[in-house]
């Protein structure tokens, strides 16, 4: 694609299709990286928050959070972070342009000044905006990441 940076890829097919990728780094002893599954694009807006469990910022681990807009609607995404015991650590408003990908690097350390395990609740201010979210929890001693896809929380 002759470009630098980060982004997302949409694949369309006239028949059934399965896709995945492996994002990796080259190192002296070989490669290391993470498997990233394909995600089905939501076809309608959601009326519930996305939840990402298993976030970590301690013992050399760090967490990056990714937000991807799947619509042409500019919105602000509200990230509410909770410690593993349910204490609200804070909120962060993240502008997300239509079609954009935003990565928040070391979100627990740098955005919430928190060390420990946590989970995130994520909602778009504009309910017509369609987006997905994920996290990568990275082992700082090996560079080995783990991919966590957000799941939908149904609000009754």
N, C-alpha and C. Protein backbone atom coordinates (compact mmCIF):
# COMPACT_ATOMS: atom_id res chain seq x y z
N UNK A 1 0.81 -1.20 0.00
CA UNK A 1 0.00 0.00 0.00
C UNK A 1 0.85 1.26 0.00
N UNK A 2 2.15 1.12 0.09
CA UNK A 2 3.09 2.23 0.00
C UNK A 2 2.77 3.36 0.97
N UNK A 3 2.53 2.99 2.21
CA UNK A 3 2.25 4.00 3.23
C UNK A 3 2.87 3.56 4.54
N UNK A 4 3.10 4.52 5.42
CA UNK A 4 3.63 4.21 6.74
C UNK A 4 2.56 4.50 7.78
N UNK A 5 2.67 3.86 8.93
CA UNK A 5 1.73 4.12 10.00
C UNK A 5 0.85 2.92 10.27
N UNK A 6 -0.29 3.19 10.87
CA UNK A 6 -1.22 2.13 11.24
C UNK A 6 -2.57 2.40 10.60
N UNK A 7 -3.34 1.37 10.44
CA UNK A 7 -4.66 1.53 9.85
C UNK A 7 -5.43 0.24 9.95
N UNK A 8 -6.46 0.12 9.16
CA UNK A 8 -7.27 -1.08 9.14
C UNK A 8 -7.59 -1.45 7.71
N UNK A 9 -7.99 -2.68 7.52
CA UNK A 9 -8.23 -3.21 6.19
C UNK A 9 -9.63 -3.81 6.15
N UNK A 10 -10.40 -3.43 5.15
CA UNK A 10 -11.72 -4.02 4.95
C UNK A 10 -11.65 -4.96 3.76
N UNK A 11 -12.11 -6.19 3.96
CA UNK A 11 -12.13 -7.19 2.90
C UNK A 11 -13.58 -7.54 2.62
N UNK A 12 -13.98 -7.45 1.35
CA UNK A 12 -15.33 -7.80 0.94
C UNK A 12 -15.26 -8.97 -0.02
N UNK A 13 -16.22 -9.88 0.10
CA UNK A 13 -16.23 -11.05 -0.77
C UNK A 13 -17.66 -11.35 -1.19
N UNK A 14 -17.80 -11.97 -2.36
CA UNK A 14 -19.13 -12.34 -2.85
C UNK A 14 -19.57 -13.69 -2.28
N UNK A 15 -18.65 -14.42 -1.64
CA UNK A 15 -18.95 -15.71 -1.03
C UNK A 15 -18.36 -15.72 0.37
N UNK A 16 -18.56 -16.82 1.08
CA UNK A 16 -17.99 -16.96 2.41
C UNK A 16 -16.47 -16.78 2.39
N UNK A 17 -15.95 -16.17 3.42
CA UNK A 17 -14.52 -15.87 3.47
C UNK A 17 -14.07 -15.83 4.92
N UNK A 18 -12.89 -16.36 5.18
CA UNK A 18 -12.27 -16.25 6.50
C UNK A 18 -10.91 -15.61 6.29
N UNK A 19 -10.59 -14.64 7.13
CA UNK A 19 -9.30 -13.96 7.01
C UNK A 19 -8.70 -13.78 8.40
N UNK A 20 -7.40 -13.67 8.47
CA UNK A 20 -6.69 -13.41 9.72
C UNK A 20 -5.32 -12.87 9.35
N UNK A 21 -4.62 -12.36 10.34
CA UNK A 21 -3.26 -11.91 10.08
C UNK A 21 -2.41 -12.13 11.32
N UNK A 22 -1.14 -12.02 11.14
CA UNK A 22 -0.19 -12.07 12.24
C UNK A 22 0.66 -10.82 12.14
N UNK A 23 0.61 -10.02 13.18
CA UNK A 23 1.44 -8.82 13.26
C UNK A 23 2.68 -9.22 14.04
N UNK A 24 3.87 -8.97 13.47
CA UNK A 24 5.07 -9.47 14.12
C UNK A 24 6.24 -8.50 14.00
N UNK A 25 7.24 -8.75 14.83
CA UNK A 25 8.51 -8.02 14.81
C UNK A 25 9.62 -9.00 14.50
N UNK A 26 10.62 -8.53 13.77
CA UNK A 26 11.81 -9.33 13.54
C UNK A 26 12.80 -9.05 14.67
N UNK A 27 13.35 -10.10 15.24
CA UNK A 27 14.35 -9.96 16.29
C UNK A 27 15.53 -10.87 15.95
N UNK A 28 16.63 -10.68 16.63
CA UNK A 28 17.83 -11.47 16.36
C UNK A 28 17.57 -12.97 16.48
N UNK A 29 16.73 -13.37 17.44
CA UNK A 29 16.46 -14.78 17.65
C UNK A 29 15.25 -15.30 16.89
N UNK A 30 14.65 -14.48 16.05
CA UNK A 30 13.46 -14.89 15.30
C UNK A 30 12.39 -13.82 15.37
N UNK A 31 11.18 -14.20 15.08
CA UNK A 31 10.08 -13.23 15.11
C UNK A 31 9.21 -13.47 16.34
N UNK A 32 8.50 -12.43 16.73
CA UNK A 32 7.48 -12.56 17.77
C UNK A 32 6.35 -11.63 17.41
N UNK A 33 5.14 -12.03 17.77
CA UNK A 33 4.00 -11.20 17.42
C UNK A 33 2.71 -11.78 17.91
N UNK A 34 1.62 -11.30 17.32
CA UNK A 34 0.31 -11.74 17.76
C UNK A 34 -0.59 -12.05 16.58
N UNK A 35 -1.46 -13.02 16.77
CA UNK A 35 -2.48 -13.37 15.81
C UNK A 35 -3.63 -12.39 15.98
N UNK A 36 -4.15 -11.87 14.89
CA UNK A 36 -5.30 -10.97 14.93
C UNK A 36 -6.39 -11.58 14.05
N UNK A 37 -7.51 -11.97 14.65
CA UNK A 37 -8.58 -12.58 13.86
C UNK A 37 -9.32 -11.54 13.05
N UNK A 38 -10.02 -12.00 12.02
CA UNK A 38 -10.90 -11.08 11.31
C UNK A 38 -12.13 -10.84 12.19
N UNK A 39 -12.73 -9.69 12.03
CA UNK A 39 -13.92 -9.34 12.79
C UNK A 39 -15.04 -9.05 11.82
N UNK A 40 -16.22 -9.49 12.14
CA UNK A 40 -17.38 -9.20 11.32
C UNK A 40 -17.78 -7.76 11.58
N UNK A 41 -17.94 -7.00 10.49
CA UNK A 41 -18.32 -5.60 10.64
C UNK A 41 -19.76 -5.51 11.12
N UNK A 42 -19.99 -4.77 12.20
CA UNK A 42 -21.38 -4.55 12.61
C UNK A 42 -22.14 -3.85 11.48
N UNK A 43 -23.35 -4.27 11.23
CA UNK A 43 -24.13 -3.67 10.15
C UNK A 43 -25.12 -2.64 10.67
N UNK A 44 -25.19 -2.52 11.98
CA UNK A 44 -26.09 -1.52 12.55
C UNK A 44 -25.45 -0.95 13.81
N UNK A 45 -25.98 0.16 14.24
CA UNK A 45 -25.44 0.79 15.44
C UNK A 45 -25.79 -0.07 16.65
N UNK A 46 -24.97 0.05 17.67
CA UNK A 46 -25.23 -0.73 18.89
C UNK A 46 -25.80 0.20 19.95
N UNK A 47 -26.58 -0.38 20.81
CA UNK A 47 -27.15 0.39 21.90
C UNK A 47 -26.56 -0.06 23.23
N UNK A 48 -25.33 -0.52 23.17
CA UNK A 48 -24.66 -1.00 24.37
C UNK A 48 -23.18 -0.68 24.28
N UNK A 49 -22.54 -0.75 25.43
CA UNK A 49 -21.11 -0.46 25.50
C UNK A 49 -20.31 -1.68 25.06
N UNK A 50 -19.06 -1.42 24.65
CA UNK A 50 -18.10 -2.49 24.42
C UNK A 50 -17.27 -2.66 25.69
N UNK A 51 -16.92 -3.89 25.99
CA UNK A 51 -16.13 -4.21 27.18
C UNK A 51 -14.85 -4.91 26.74
N UNK A 52 -13.73 -4.49 27.33
CA UNK A 52 -12.46 -5.20 27.10
C UNK A 52 -11.89 -5.57 28.47
N UNK A 53 -11.91 -6.87 28.81
CA UNK A 53 -11.33 -7.32 30.08
C UNK A 53 -9.84 -7.63 29.92
N UNK A 54 -9.18 -7.94 31.03
CA UNK A 54 -7.83 -8.48 30.97
C UNK A 54 -6.72 -7.49 30.66
N UNK A 55 -6.93 -6.20 30.93
CA UNK A 55 -5.90 -5.20 30.67
C UNK A 55 -4.90 -5.21 31.83
N UNK A 56 -3.64 -4.92 31.53
CA UNK A 56 -2.60 -5.06 32.54
C UNK A 56 -1.51 -4.01 32.38
N UNK A 57 -1.07 -3.49 33.52
CA UNK A 57 0.05 -2.57 33.55
C UNK A 57 0.79 -2.78 34.86
N UNK A 58 1.57 -3.83 34.90
CA UNK A 58 2.38 -4.15 36.08
C UNK A 58 3.35 -5.26 35.70
N UNK A 59 4.37 -5.43 36.52
CA UNK A 59 5.38 -6.49 36.31
C UNK A 59 5.91 -6.49 34.88
N UNK A 60 6.09 -5.30 34.29
CA UNK A 60 6.65 -5.20 32.96
C UNK A 60 5.65 -5.29 31.83
N UNK A 61 4.39 -5.46 32.12
CA UNK A 61 3.36 -5.52 31.08
C UNK A 61 2.79 -4.13 30.82
N UNK A 62 2.35 -3.91 29.59
CA UNK A 62 1.69 -2.66 29.22
C UNK A 62 0.53 -3.00 28.29
N UNK A 63 -0.41 -2.06 28.17
CA UNK A 63 -1.59 -2.27 27.34
C UNK A 63 -1.77 -1.13 26.36
N UNK A 64 -1.97 -1.48 25.09
CA UNK A 64 -2.34 -0.51 24.06
C UNK A 64 -3.80 -0.76 23.71
N UNK A 65 -4.56 0.33 23.49
CA UNK A 65 -5.97 0.23 23.13
C UNK A 65 -6.16 0.75 21.73
N UNK A 66 -6.86 0.00 20.88
CA UNK A 66 -7.14 0.41 19.50
C UNK A 66 -8.62 0.65 19.30
N UNK A 67 -8.95 1.75 18.61
CA UNK A 67 -10.33 2.10 18.26
C UNK A 67 -10.39 2.27 16.76
N UNK A 68 -11.36 1.65 16.09
CA UNK A 68 -11.49 1.72 14.64
C UNK A 68 -12.90 2.12 14.27
N UNK A 69 -13.03 3.23 13.54
CA UNK A 69 -14.33 3.68 13.05
C UNK A 69 -14.66 2.94 11.76
N UNK A 70 -15.84 2.34 11.71
CA UNK A 70 -16.27 1.61 10.52
C UNK A 70 -17.34 2.38 9.75
N UNK A 71 -17.56 3.62 10.12
CA UNK A 71 -18.55 4.45 9.43
C UNK A 71 -17.90 5.77 9.04
N UNK A 72 -18.63 6.60 8.34
CA UNK A 72 -18.09 7.90 7.94
C UNK A 72 -18.47 9.00 8.92
N UNK A 73 -18.91 8.63 10.11
CA UNK A 73 -19.36 9.59 11.12
C UNK A 73 -18.23 9.91 12.08
N UNK A 74 -17.90 11.19 12.22
CA UNK A 74 -16.95 11.62 13.24
C UNK A 74 -17.66 11.57 14.59
N UNK A 75 -16.98 11.06 15.59
CA UNK A 75 -17.57 10.97 16.92
C UNK A 75 -16.48 11.10 17.96
N UNK A 76 -16.88 11.10 19.20
CA UNK A 76 -15.96 11.01 20.32
C UNK A 76 -16.29 9.71 21.04
N UNK A 77 -15.27 8.94 21.33
CA UNK A 77 -15.45 7.67 22.03
C UNK A 77 -15.06 7.90 23.49
N UNK A 78 -15.94 7.48 24.38
CA UNK A 78 -15.69 7.60 25.82
C UNK A 78 -15.15 6.28 26.34
N UNK A 79 -13.95 6.33 26.92
CA UNK A 79 -13.33 5.16 27.52
C UNK A 79 -13.39 5.33 29.03
N UNK A 80 -14.10 4.44 29.71
CA UNK A 80 -14.13 4.44 31.17
C UNK A 80 -13.31 3.24 31.61
N UNK A 81 -12.30 3.49 32.44
CA UNK A 81 -11.41 2.44 32.89
C UNK A 81 -11.73 2.07 34.33
N UNK A 82 -11.76 0.76 34.60
CA UNK A 82 -12.05 0.24 35.94
C UNK A 82 -10.90 -0.65 36.39
N UNK A 83 -10.56 -0.59 37.68
CA UNK A 83 -9.61 -1.56 38.22
C UNK A 83 -10.30 -2.92 38.26
N UNK A 84 -9.54 -3.98 38.47
CA UNK A 84 -10.12 -5.32 38.47
C UNK A 84 -11.15 -5.51 39.57
N UNK A 85 -11.10 -4.67 40.62
CA UNK A 85 -12.11 -4.78 41.68
C UNK A 85 -13.27 -3.80 41.49
N UNK A 86 -13.38 -3.20 40.29
CA UNK A 86 -14.54 -2.39 39.94
C UNK A 86 -14.47 -0.92 40.28
N UNK A 87 -13.35 -0.43 40.77
CA UNK A 87 -13.20 0.99 41.09
C UNK A 87 -12.96 1.77 39.79
N UNK A 88 -13.72 2.85 39.59
CA UNK A 88 -13.54 3.67 38.39
C UNK A 88 -12.20 4.40 38.49
N UNK A 89 -11.35 4.20 37.50
CA UNK A 89 -10.04 4.85 37.45
C UNK A 89 -10.12 6.20 36.76
N UNK A 90 -11.12 6.38 35.91
CA UNK A 90 -11.29 7.65 35.20
C UNK A 90 -11.91 7.44 33.84
N UNK A 91 -12.10 8.55 33.15
CA UNK A 91 -12.69 8.57 31.81
C UNK A 91 -11.75 9.30 30.87
N UNK A 92 -11.75 8.88 29.63
CA UNK A 92 -10.96 9.56 28.59
C UNK A 92 -11.84 9.71 27.36
N UNK A 93 -11.94 10.93 26.85
CA UNK A 93 -12.67 11.21 25.61
C UNK A 93 -11.69 11.18 24.46
N UNK A 94 -11.96 10.33 23.47
CA UNK A 94 -11.04 10.15 22.35
C UNK A 94 -11.75 10.52 21.05
N UNK A 95 -11.30 11.57 20.35
CA UNK A 95 -11.89 11.89 19.05
C UNK A 95 -11.61 10.77 18.06
N UNK A 96 -12.64 10.34 17.34
CA UNK A 96 -12.49 9.27 16.35
C UNK A 96 -13.18 9.71 15.07
N UNK A 97 -12.38 10.08 14.09
CA UNK A 97 -12.91 10.53 12.80
C UNK A 97 -13.49 9.33 12.04
N UNK A 98 -14.43 9.60 11.16
CA UNK A 98 -15.01 8.56 10.34
C UNK A 98 -13.94 7.82 9.56
N UNK A 99 -13.94 6.49 9.61
CA UNK A 99 -12.97 5.67 8.89
C UNK A 99 -11.59 5.60 9.51
N UNK A 100 -11.38 6.21 10.67
CA UNK A 100 -10.04 6.30 11.25
C UNK A 100 -9.74 5.16 12.21
N UNK A 101 -8.44 4.96 12.45
CA UNK A 101 -7.93 4.06 13.48
C UNK A 101 -7.11 4.89 14.44
N UNK A 102 -7.35 4.73 15.74
CA UNK A 102 -6.60 5.45 16.77
C UNK A 102 -6.04 4.42 17.74
N UNK A 103 -4.76 4.55 18.08
CA UNK A 103 -4.17 3.67 19.08
C UNK A 103 -3.71 4.51 20.27
N UNK A 104 -4.12 4.10 21.46
CA UNK A 104 -3.69 4.74 22.70
C UNK A 104 -2.63 3.84 23.32
N UNK A 105 -1.39 4.27 23.27
CA UNK A 105 -0.25 3.47 23.71
C UNK A 105 -0.11 3.58 25.23
N UNK A 106 0.15 2.45 25.87
CA UNK A 106 0.33 2.40 27.33
C UNK A 106 -0.80 3.13 28.04
N UNK A 107 -2.04 2.80 27.70
CA UNK A 107 -3.19 3.56 28.18
C UNK A 107 -3.32 3.56 29.70
N UNK A 108 -3.04 2.45 30.36
CA UNK A 108 -3.18 2.43 31.82
C UNK A 108 -2.15 3.33 32.49
N UNK A 109 -0.89 3.24 32.05
CA UNK A 109 0.18 4.05 32.64
C UNK A 109 0.03 5.53 32.28
N UNK A 110 -0.04 5.80 30.98
CA UNK A 110 0.06 7.18 30.51
C UNK A 110 -1.24 7.96 30.59
N UNK A 111 -2.37 7.32 30.42
CA UNK A 111 -3.65 8.04 30.45
C UNK A 111 -4.28 8.03 31.83
N UNK A 112 -4.20 6.89 32.52
CA UNK A 112 -4.88 6.77 33.81
C UNK A 112 -3.93 6.69 35.00
N UNK A 113 -2.62 6.77 34.77
CA UNK A 113 -1.62 6.73 35.85
C UNK A 113 -1.92 5.58 36.82
N UNK A 114 -2.09 4.39 36.25
CA UNK A 114 -2.50 3.23 37.04
C UNK A 114 -1.57 2.06 36.79
N UNK A 115 -1.28 1.33 37.86
CA UNK A 115 -0.52 0.09 37.76
C UNK A 115 -1.36 -1.03 38.36
N UNK A 116 -1.60 -2.07 37.59
CA UNK A 116 -2.40 -3.19 38.05
C UNK A 116 -3.21 -3.77 36.90
N UNK A 117 -4.23 -4.56 37.25
CA UNK A 117 -5.09 -5.13 36.22
C UNK A 117 -6.39 -4.35 36.17
N UNK A 118 -6.99 -4.29 34.97
CA UNK A 118 -8.14 -3.42 34.75
C UNK A 118 -9.01 -3.94 33.61
N UNK A 119 -10.13 -3.25 33.41
CA UNK A 119 -11.00 -3.51 32.25
C UNK A 119 -11.58 -2.19 31.80
N UNK A 120 -11.99 -2.14 30.53
CA UNK A 120 -12.48 -0.89 29.94
C UNK A 120 -13.91 -1.05 29.45
N UNK A 121 -14.66 0.04 29.57
CA UNK A 121 -16.00 0.15 29.00
C UNK A 121 -15.93 1.28 27.98
N UNK A 122 -16.40 1.03 26.76
CA UNK A 122 -16.18 1.97 25.65
C UNK A 122 -17.50 2.23 24.93
N UNK A 123 -17.83 3.52 24.74
CA UNK A 123 -19.06 3.91 24.05
C UNK A 123 -18.79 5.12 23.17
N UNK A 124 -19.47 5.19 22.03
CA UNK A 124 -19.40 6.37 21.16
C UNK A 124 -20.48 7.35 21.59
N UNK A 125 -20.14 8.65 21.57
CA UNK A 125 -21.15 9.66 21.91
C UNK A 125 -22.26 9.70 20.87
N UNK A 126 -21.90 9.55 19.60
CA UNK A 126 -22.89 9.52 18.53
C UNK A 126 -23.33 8.07 18.34
N UNK A 127 -24.56 7.77 18.67
CA UNK A 127 -25.02 6.38 18.61
C UNK A 127 -25.13 5.84 17.19
N UNK A 128 -25.03 6.71 16.18
CA UNK A 128 -25.04 6.25 14.79
C UNK A 128 -23.64 5.84 14.31
N UNK A 129 -22.62 6.16 15.09
CA UNK A 129 -21.25 5.81 14.72
C UNK A 129 -21.03 4.31 14.96
N UNK A 130 -20.45 3.64 13.99
CA UNK A 130 -20.15 2.21 14.11
C UNK A 130 -18.64 2.07 14.28
N UNK A 131 -18.23 1.38 15.35
CA UNK A 131 -16.80 1.23 15.61
C UNK A 131 -16.55 -0.10 16.31
N UNK A 132 -15.30 -0.52 16.29
CA UNK A 132 -14.85 -1.69 17.04
C UNK A 132 -13.66 -1.28 17.89
N UNK A 133 -13.32 -2.11 18.86
CA UNK A 133 -12.20 -1.80 19.75
C UNK A 133 -11.47 -3.09 20.09
N UNK A 134 -10.19 -2.94 20.40
CA UNK A 134 -9.38 -4.08 20.82
C UNK A 134 -8.27 -3.58 21.73
N UNK A 135 -7.60 -4.51 22.38
CA UNK A 135 -6.42 -4.17 23.17
C UNK A 135 -5.32 -5.17 22.85
N UNK A 136 -4.09 -4.71 23.03
CA UNK A 136 -2.93 -5.60 23.00
C UNK A 136 -2.24 -5.45 24.35
N UNK A 137 -2.09 -6.56 25.04
CA UNK A 137 -1.36 -6.57 26.31
C UNK A 137 0.02 -7.13 25.99
N UNK A 138 1.05 -6.33 26.25
CA UNK A 138 2.41 -6.67 25.81
C UNK A 138 3.30 -6.97 27.00
N UNK A 139 4.01 -8.09 26.93
CA UNK A 139 5.02 -8.45 27.93
C UNK A 139 6.28 -7.66 27.60
N UNK A 140 6.64 -6.72 28.46
CA UNK A 140 7.78 -5.85 28.20
C UNK A 140 9.11 -6.57 28.17
N UNK A 141 9.23 -7.72 28.84
CA UNK A 141 10.52 -8.41 28.84
C UNK A 141 10.76 -9.19 27.55
N UNK A 142 9.69 -9.66 26.91
CA UNK A 142 9.86 -10.43 25.67
C UNK A 142 9.31 -9.71 24.44
N UNK A 143 8.45 -8.71 24.66
CA UNK A 143 7.78 -8.03 23.55
C UNK A 143 6.58 -8.81 23.03
N UNK A 144 6.26 -9.92 23.66
CA UNK A 144 5.19 -10.79 23.20
C UNK A 144 3.82 -10.18 23.53
N UNK A 145 2.97 -9.93 22.51
CA UNK A 145 1.65 -9.34 22.75
C UNK A 145 0.54 -10.40 22.77
N UNK A 146 -0.55 -10.04 23.41
CA UNK A 146 -1.78 -10.84 23.37
C UNK A 146 -2.92 -9.94 22.92
N UNK A 147 -3.69 -10.38 21.93
CA UNK A 147 -4.79 -9.61 21.35
C UNK A 147 -6.08 -9.90 22.13
N UNK A 148 -6.81 -8.84 22.50
CA UNK A 148 -8.11 -8.98 23.17
C UNK A 148 -9.13 -8.16 22.40
N UNK A 149 -10.13 -8.82 21.86
CA UNK A 149 -11.19 -8.13 21.13
C UNK A 149 -12.27 -7.69 22.11
N UNK A 150 -12.84 -6.52 21.88
CA UNK A 150 -13.94 -6.05 22.72
C UNK A 150 -15.18 -6.89 22.46
N UNK A 151 -15.98 -7.04 23.49
CA UNK A 151 -17.26 -7.72 23.34
C UNK A 151 -18.37 -6.77 23.76
N UNK A 152 -19.55 -7.03 23.25
CA UNK A 152 -20.67 -6.12 23.49
C UNK A 152 -21.34 -6.43 24.82
N UNK A 153 -21.61 -5.36 25.57
CA UNK A 153 -22.36 -5.48 26.82
C UNK A 153 -23.80 -5.09 26.52
N UNK A 154 -24.71 -5.97 26.79
CA UNK A 154 -26.12 -5.67 26.52
C UNK A 154 -26.73 -4.97 27.73
N UNK A 155 -27.32 -3.81 27.49
CA UNK A 155 -27.94 -3.03 28.55
C UNK A 155 -29.44 -3.24 28.47
N UNK A 156 -30.03 -3.70 29.56
CA UNK A 156 -31.48 -3.92 29.58
C UNK A 156 -32.21 -2.67 30.03
